N, C-alpha and C. Protein backbone atom coordinates (compact mmCIF):
# COMPACT_ATOMS: atom_id res chain seq x y z
N MET A 1 -4.62 -5.03 13.90
CA MET A 1 -5.42 -5.10 12.79
C MET A 1 -4.65 -4.69 11.51
N THR A 2 -4.39 -5.39 10.71
CA THR A 2 -4.15 -4.75 9.66
C THR A 2 -4.76 -4.94 8.36
N THR A 3 -4.30 -3.78 7.38
CA THR A 3 -5.21 -4.14 6.14
C THR A 3 -4.61 -4.64 4.67
N ALA A 4 -3.16 -5.47 5.28
CA ALA A 4 -2.65 -6.16 4.44
C ALA A 4 -3.67 -7.49 3.72
N PRO A 5 -4.52 -7.97 4.25
CA PRO A 5 -5.29 -8.83 3.68
C PRO A 5 -6.03 -8.39 2.15
N ALA A 6 -6.64 -7.09 2.63
CA ALA A 6 -7.44 -6.47 1.65
C ALA A 6 -6.61 -6.05 0.73
N ALA A 7 -5.26 -5.53 1.06
CA ALA A 7 -4.19 -4.77 -0.01
C ALA A 7 -4.01 -5.94 -0.97
N ALA A 8 -3.81 -7.24 -0.30
CA ALA A 8 -3.33 -8.30 -0.92
C ALA A 8 -4.44 -8.81 -2.19
N ASP A 9 -5.59 -8.75 -1.69
CA ASP A 9 -6.82 -9.24 -2.63
C ASP A 9 -6.94 -8.14 -3.57
N THR A 10 -6.77 -6.90 -3.45
CA THR A 10 -6.88 -6.27 -4.46
C THR A 10 -5.94 -6.02 -5.29
N ILE A 11 -4.48 -6.43 -4.65
CA ILE A 11 -3.34 -6.45 -6.16
C ILE A 11 -3.62 -7.63 -6.69
N LYS A 12 -3.99 -8.62 -6.19
CA LYS A 12 -4.17 -9.91 -6.88
C LYS A 12 -5.47 -9.73 -8.19
N ASN A 13 -6.43 -9.30 -7.56
CA ASN A 13 -7.61 -9.01 -8.52
C ASN A 13 -7.10 -7.96 -9.65
N TYR A 14 -6.64 -7.05 -9.18
CA TYR A 14 -5.93 -6.05 -10.29
C TYR A 14 -5.09 -6.66 -11.53
N PHE A 15 -4.06 -7.77 -10.97
CA PHE A 15 -3.38 -8.47 -11.97
C PHE A 15 -4.02 -9.12 -12.74
N ASP A 16 -5.13 -10.08 -12.17
CA ASP A 16 -5.63 -10.97 -12.57
C ASP A 16 -6.68 -10.02 -14.03
N ASP A 17 -7.64 -9.17 -13.69
CA ASP A 17 -8.37 -8.03 -14.33
C ASP A 17 -7.58 -7.70 -15.59
N THR A 18 -6.49 -7.24 -15.23
CA THR A 18 -5.53 -6.31 -16.39
C THR A 18 -4.53 -7.36 -17.06
N ASN A 19 -4.51 -8.54 -16.55
CA ASN A 19 -3.46 -9.40 -17.21
C ASN A 19 -2.08 -8.94 -17.13
N THR A 20 -1.83 -8.31 -15.90
CA THR A 20 -0.41 -7.74 -15.87
C THR A 20 0.12 -8.60 -14.66
N LYS A 21 1.36 -7.96 -14.32
CA LYS A 21 2.28 -8.78 -13.39
C LYS A 21 3.21 -7.36 -12.50
N PRO A 22 3.74 -7.66 -11.50
CA PRO A 22 4.52 -6.74 -10.92
C PRO A 22 5.74 -6.03 -11.49
N SER A 23 6.25 -6.73 -12.40
CA SER A 23 7.36 -6.30 -13.24
C SER A 23 6.85 -5.04 -14.31
N ASP A 24 5.48 -5.20 -14.68
CA ASP A 24 4.85 -4.18 -15.25
C ASP A 24 4.93 -3.06 -15.01
N TYR A 25 5.43 -2.66 -13.53
CA TYR A 25 4.94 -1.17 -12.85
C TYR A 25 6.50 -0.90 -12.26
N ASP A 26 6.68 0.36 -12.54
CA ASP A 26 7.85 0.81 -11.82
C ASP A 26 7.93 0.67 -10.37
N LEU A 27 6.77 0.97 -9.83
CA LEU A 27 6.57 0.86 -8.36
C LEU A 27 5.03 0.57 -7.79
N ILE A 28 4.95 -0.21 -6.92
CA ILE A 28 3.72 -0.51 -6.33
C ILE A 28 3.62 0.18 -4.89
N LEU A 29 2.85 0.95 -4.81
CA LEU A 29 3.06 2.05 -3.55
C LEU A 29 1.82 1.55 -2.41
N THR A 30 1.77 1.21 -1.42
CA THR A 30 1.27 1.11 -0.52
C THR A 30 0.96 2.29 0.41
N GLY A 31 -0.26 2.56 1.31
CA GLY A 31 -0.67 3.85 2.01
C GLY A 31 0.43 3.76 3.31
N ASP A 32 0.15 2.69 4.01
CA ASP A 32 1.02 2.69 5.42
C ASP A 32 0.68 1.43 5.88
N LEU A 33 1.03 0.47 5.50
CA LEU A 33 1.23 -0.97 5.91
C LEU A 33 2.00 -1.19 7.23
N GLY A 34 3.03 -0.30 6.83
CA GLY A 34 4.41 -0.37 8.03
C GLY A 34 4.98 -1.66 7.61
N GLU A 35 6.12 -2.04 8.47
CA GLU A 35 6.97 -3.26 8.13
C GLU A 35 5.74 -4.75 8.35
N VAL A 36 5.33 -4.51 9.48
CA VAL A 36 4.60 -5.58 9.89
C VAL A 36 3.12 -5.77 8.62
N GLY A 37 2.88 -5.06 8.29
CA GLY A 37 1.78 -5.32 7.05
C GLY A 37 2.35 -5.59 5.86
N SER A 38 3.63 -4.89 5.51
CA SER A 38 4.12 -4.95 4.28
C SER A 38 4.87 -6.49 4.27
N ASN A 39 5.19 -7.00 5.27
CA ASN A 39 5.72 -8.26 5.22
C ASN A 39 4.56 -9.25 5.36
N LEU A 40 3.37 -9.00 5.82
CA LEU A 40 2.13 -9.99 5.67
C LEU A 40 1.78 -9.72 4.33
N LEU A 41 1.84 -8.60 3.71
CA LEU A 41 1.33 -8.57 2.36
C LEU A 41 1.85 -9.25 1.41
N TYR A 42 3.58 -9.45 1.70
CA TYR A 42 4.23 -10.34 0.55
C TYR A 42 3.93 -11.70 0.93
N LYS A 43 3.91 -12.20 2.28
CA LYS A 43 3.09 -13.66 2.54
C LYS A 43 2.21 -13.71 2.05
N LEU A 44 1.26 -13.25 1.87
CA LEU A 44 -0.12 -13.51 1.25
C LEU A 44 -0.28 -13.64 -0.66
N LEU A 45 0.47 -12.54 -0.88
CA LEU A 45 0.75 -12.61 -2.43
C LEU A 45 1.57 -13.51 -2.74
N ASN A 46 2.61 -14.09 -1.87
CA ASN A 46 3.60 -15.14 -2.29
C ASN A 46 2.56 -16.42 -2.35
N GLU A 47 1.89 -16.56 -1.33
CA GLU A 47 1.14 -17.95 -1.24
C GLU A 47 0.13 -18.19 -2.91
N GLN A 48 0.12 -16.99 -3.43
CA GLN A 48 -0.64 -16.89 -4.91
C GLN A 48 -0.09 -16.87 -5.98
N GLY A 49 1.71 -17.12 -5.75
CA GLY A 49 2.50 -17.14 -6.79
C GLY A 49 3.00 -15.53 -7.23
N ILE A 50 2.53 -14.49 -6.64
CA ILE A 50 2.88 -13.21 -6.77
C ILE A 50 4.03 -12.45 -5.80
N ASP A 51 5.05 -12.18 -6.48
CA ASP A 51 6.00 -11.44 -5.75
C ASP A 51 6.39 -9.93 -6.32
N ILE A 52 5.97 -9.24 -5.12
CA ILE A 52 6.01 -7.78 -5.69
C ILE A 52 7.42 -7.11 -4.99
N MET A 53 8.33 -7.81 -4.18
CA MET A 53 9.07 -7.42 -3.25
C MET A 53 9.97 -6.19 -3.94
N LYS A 54 10.33 -6.55 -5.10
CA LYS A 54 11.49 -5.88 -5.61
C LYS A 54 10.93 -4.37 -5.94
N ASN A 55 9.83 -4.13 -6.63
CA ASN A 55 9.07 -2.73 -6.62
C ASN A 55 8.03 -2.45 -5.73
N HIS A 56 7.90 -2.76 -4.84
CA HIS A 56 6.87 -2.32 -3.56
C HIS A 56 7.66 -1.50 -2.80
N ASN A 57 6.93 -0.40 -2.30
CA ASN A 57 7.42 0.48 -1.38
C ASN A 57 5.99 0.81 -0.58
N ASP A 58 6.18 1.50 0.92
CA ASP A 58 5.08 1.83 1.45
C ASP A 58 5.26 3.18 2.07
N CYS A 59 4.23 4.05 1.89
CA CYS A 59 4.50 5.46 2.24
C CYS A 59 4.90 5.55 3.66
N GLY A 60 4.53 4.65 4.81
CA GLY A 60 4.77 4.85 5.93
C GLY A 60 6.01 4.55 6.30
N LEU A 61 6.77 3.53 5.66
CA LEU A 61 8.08 3.20 5.81
C LEU A 61 8.83 4.34 5.23
N MET A 62 8.54 5.08 3.98
CA MET A 62 9.33 5.76 3.29
C MET A 62 9.21 7.11 4.23
N ILE A 63 8.26 7.80 4.96
CA ILE A 63 8.15 8.93 5.43
C ILE A 63 8.90 9.06 6.95
N PHE A 64 8.99 7.75 7.62
CA PHE A 64 9.32 7.78 8.95
C PHE A 64 10.71 7.11 8.82
N ASP A 65 11.48 7.51 9.88
CA ASP A 65 12.90 7.02 10.28
C ASP A 65 12.71 5.98 11.44
N ARG A 66 12.40 4.91 11.28
CA ARG A 66 12.19 4.16 12.46
C ARG A 66 13.21 3.86 13.44
N ASN A 67 14.33 3.91 12.87
CA ASN A 67 15.62 3.95 13.84
C ASN A 67 15.62 4.93 14.63
N LYS A 68 15.10 6.20 14.38
CA LYS A 68 15.31 7.07 15.37
C LYS A 68 13.95 8.08 15.86
N GLN A 69 13.00 7.53 14.97
CA GLN A 69 11.53 7.94 15.57
C GLN A 69 10.76 6.86 16.22
N ASP A 70 10.02 7.03 17.49
CA ASP A 70 9.14 6.14 18.04
C ASP A 70 7.86 6.22 17.27
N VAL A 71 7.98 5.48 16.08
CA VAL A 71 6.53 5.56 15.52
C VAL A 71 6.06 4.05 15.42
N HIS A 72 6.69 3.13 16.12
CA HIS A 72 5.77 1.71 16.35
C HIS A 72 5.30 1.25 14.78
N ALA A 73 4.55 1.07 14.55
CA ALA A 73 3.85 0.40 13.19
C ALA A 73 3.56 1.35 12.31
N GLY A 74 3.81 2.83 12.45
CA GLY A 74 3.63 3.85 11.51
C GLY A 74 2.91 4.99 12.05
N GLY A 75 2.28 5.38 10.73
CA GLY A 75 1.28 6.63 11.39
C GLY A 75 -0.04 6.54 10.61
N SER A 76 -0.59 7.57 10.42
CA SER A 76 -1.74 7.71 9.73
C SER A 76 -1.63 7.51 8.29
N GLY A 77 -2.24 6.59 7.64
CA GLY A 77 -2.38 5.93 6.31
C GLY A 77 -2.83 6.98 5.22
N CYS A 78 -3.59 7.69 5.64
CA CYS A 78 -4.12 9.04 4.52
C CYS A 78 -3.16 9.86 4.78
N GLY A 79 -2.40 10.32 6.04
CA GLY A 79 -1.54 11.30 5.94
C GLY A 79 -0.02 10.74 5.52
N CYS A 80 0.21 9.67 5.29
CA CYS A 80 1.55 9.10 5.00
C CYS A 80 1.43 8.93 3.26
N SER A 81 0.34 8.72 3.04
CA SER A 81 -0.26 8.54 1.30
C SER A 81 -0.16 9.84 0.72
N GLY A 82 -0.87 10.68 1.44
CA GLY A 82 -0.92 12.05 0.70
C GLY A 82 0.22 12.87 0.63
N SER A 83 1.13 12.61 1.60
CA SER A 83 2.17 13.47 1.83
C SER A 83 3.33 12.64 0.72
N VAL A 84 3.53 11.52 0.60
CA VAL A 84 4.48 10.96 -0.17
C VAL A 84 4.22 11.17 -1.18
N PHE A 85 2.89 10.88 -2.03
CA PHE A 85 2.61 10.83 -3.15
C PHE A 85 2.42 11.98 -3.86
N CYS A 86 2.14 13.17 -3.03
CA CYS A 86 2.37 14.56 -3.37
C CYS A 86 3.36 15.16 -3.40
N SER A 87 4.53 14.58 -3.09
CA SER A 87 5.64 15.20 -2.90
C SER A 87 6.91 14.08 -3.83
N LYS A 88 7.08 13.14 -3.13
CA LYS A 88 7.97 12.47 -3.72
C LYS A 88 7.67 11.54 -5.08
N ILE A 89 6.69 11.16 -5.17
CA ILE A 89 5.97 10.51 -6.22
C ILE A 89 6.02 11.24 -7.32
N LEU A 90 4.82 12.55 -7.04
CA LEU A 90 4.84 13.25 -7.99
C LEU A 90 5.96 13.97 -8.83
N ASN A 91 6.87 14.00 -8.08
CA ASN A 91 8.03 14.45 -8.66
C ASN A 91 8.85 13.90 -9.21
N ASP A 92 9.02 12.57 -8.88
CA ASP A 92 9.61 11.38 -9.48
C ASP A 92 8.97 10.93 -10.88
N MET A 93 7.81 11.32 -11.00
CA MET A 93 6.92 11.14 -12.11
C MET A 93 6.79 12.26 -12.99
N GLN A 94 7.07 13.61 -12.60
CA GLN A 94 7.37 14.78 -13.53
C GLN A 94 8.82 14.78 -14.13
N SER A 95 9.89 14.22 -13.23
CA SER A 95 11.33 14.05 -13.76
C SER A 95 11.60 12.67 -14.68
N GLY A 96 10.68 11.82 -14.59
CA GLY A 96 10.43 10.83 -15.88
C GLY A 96 11.12 9.58 -14.75
N LYS A 97 11.49 9.75 -13.64
CA LYS A 97 12.05 8.51 -13.11
C LYS A 97 10.96 7.52 -12.75
N LEU A 98 9.87 7.59 -12.59
CA LEU A 98 8.69 6.93 -12.46
C LEU A 98 7.77 7.19 -13.93
N LYS A 99 7.32 5.85 -14.46
CA LYS A 99 6.21 6.09 -15.45
C LYS A 99 5.09 5.31 -15.29
N ASN A 100 5.10 4.41 -14.57
CA ASN A 100 3.68 3.82 -14.55
C ASN A 100 3.94 2.80 -12.97
N ILE A 101 2.89 3.62 -12.15
CA ILE A 101 2.94 3.05 -10.88
C ILE A 101 1.34 2.44 -10.38
N LEU A 102 1.55 1.76 -9.49
CA LEU A 102 0.27 1.32 -9.02
C LEU A 102 0.26 2.02 -7.27
N PHE A 103 -0.81 2.51 -7.16
CA PHE A 103 -1.06 3.52 -5.95
C PHE A 103 -2.10 2.95 -5.18
N MET A 104 -1.93 2.37 -4.07
CA MET A 104 -3.28 1.83 -3.03
C MET A 104 -3.02 2.35 -1.77
N ALA A 105 -4.34 3.08 -1.55
CA ALA A 105 -4.51 3.52 -0.19
C ALA A 105 -5.35 2.55 0.71
N THR A 106 -4.92 2.07 1.86
CA THR A 106 -5.44 1.02 2.62
C THR A 106 -6.50 1.81 3.77
N GLY A 107 -7.46 1.05 4.20
CA GLY A 107 -8.00 1.64 5.64
C GLY A 107 -8.89 0.64 6.24
N ALA A 108 -9.39 1.25 7.68
CA ALA A 108 -10.36 0.58 7.77
C ALA A 108 -11.66 1.25 7.84
N LEU A 109 -12.70 0.42 8.04
CA LEU A 109 -13.96 1.00 8.19
C LEU A 109 -14.41 1.01 9.40
N MET A 110 -14.17 1.67 10.04
CA MET A 110 -14.30 1.95 12.01
C MET A 110 -15.70 2.58 12.22
N SER A 111 -16.11 1.59 12.83
CA SER A 111 -17.53 2.15 13.33
C SER A 111 -17.34 1.87 15.13
N PRO A 112 -17.96 3.06 15.95
CA PRO A 112 -18.00 2.92 17.30
C PRO A 112 -19.09 1.82 17.71
N THR A 113 -19.95 1.45 16.85
CA THR A 113 -20.81 0.53 17.55
C THR A 113 -20.68 -0.98 16.89
N SER A 114 -20.18 -1.00 15.82
CA SER A 114 -19.75 -2.58 15.59
C SER A 114 -18.25 -3.03 16.47
N SER A 115 -17.41 -1.84 16.69
CA SER A 115 -16.38 -2.10 17.76
C SER A 115 -16.91 -2.36 18.90
N GLY A 116 -17.80 -1.51 19.51
CA GLY A 116 -18.53 -1.65 20.80
C GLY A 116 -18.94 -3.12 20.86
N GLN A 117 -19.58 -3.65 19.48
CA GLN A 117 -20.31 -5.07 19.77
C GLN A 117 -19.19 -6.22 19.85
N GLY A 118 -18.28 -5.74 19.48
CA GLY A 118 -16.91 -6.86 19.41
C GLY A 118 -17.40 -7.38 17.72
N ALA A 119 -17.63 -6.89 16.94
CA ALA A 119 -17.58 -6.95 15.71
C ALA A 119 -16.26 -6.92 14.71
N ASN A 120 -16.10 -7.79 13.67
CA ASN A 120 -14.91 -7.43 12.97
C ASN A 120 -14.70 -6.18 12.44
N ILE A 121 -13.69 -5.72 12.18
CA ILE A 121 -13.48 -4.17 11.69
C ILE A 121 -13.06 -4.56 10.19
N PRO A 122 -14.08 -4.32 8.97
CA PRO A 122 -13.72 -4.58 7.87
C PRO A 122 -12.70 -3.52 7.07
N ALA A 123 -11.74 -4.18 6.60
CA ALA A 123 -10.66 -3.49 5.79
C ALA A 123 -10.83 -3.22 4.13
N ILE A 124 -10.40 -2.14 3.73
CA ILE A 124 -10.38 -1.81 2.36
C ILE A 124 -9.17 -1.36 1.68
N ALA A 125 -9.27 -1.67 0.42
CA ALA A 125 -7.87 -1.13 -0.40
C ALA A 125 -8.49 -0.39 -1.46
N HIS A 126 -7.95 0.80 -1.82
CA HIS A 126 -8.44 1.42 -3.14
C HIS A 126 -7.42 1.65 -4.18
N LEU A 127 -7.13 1.14 -5.30
CA LEU A 127 -6.01 0.94 -6.02
C LEU A 127 -6.15 1.93 -7.22
N VAL A 128 -5.37 2.56 -7.56
CA VAL A 128 -5.16 3.44 -9.00
C VAL A 128 -3.94 3.26 -9.84
N ASN A 129 -3.98 2.94 -11.11
CA ASN A 129 -2.77 3.10 -11.73
C ASN A 129 -2.52 4.29 -12.51
N VAL A 130 -1.35 4.79 -12.00
CA VAL A 130 -1.00 6.41 -12.59
C VAL A 130 0.07 6.10 -13.38
N LYS A 131 -0.08 6.76 -14.70
CA LYS A 131 1.01 6.59 -15.88
C LYS A 131 1.36 8.00 -16.24
N ASN A 132 2.57 8.31 -16.49
CA ASN A 132 2.98 9.44 -16.99
C ASN A 132 3.46 9.17 -18.54
N ARG A 133 2.81 9.99 -19.18
CA ARG A 133 2.74 9.82 -20.65
C ARG A 133 3.80 10.64 -21.27
């Protein structure tokens, strides 16, 4: 299961609603899509004419060294997001390296009842625009 479709939908709607494009942002940061989810995100957005590859990064890909650590698809989205945002990203904003970013946490609405019944697991994405003035 990946939350990439929710992330793609949220990004597209944000760009449509704000009349902005990927190049308007220094960084588009997702929580923990990992490599598989990030590639799916690129594919889904490219199908709609949106290319974020130049300024996208993923907290799960930033926090782990997949060549040296056995993390497979990544780690906890909330753990990776909080760790990377509250350290590297805020430091880069404070130093002026980053001025305008989109930060998106993704997640699954897990329910033992619906999972046990074989129902789909809904995915969500929360996006905030963080600016350094």
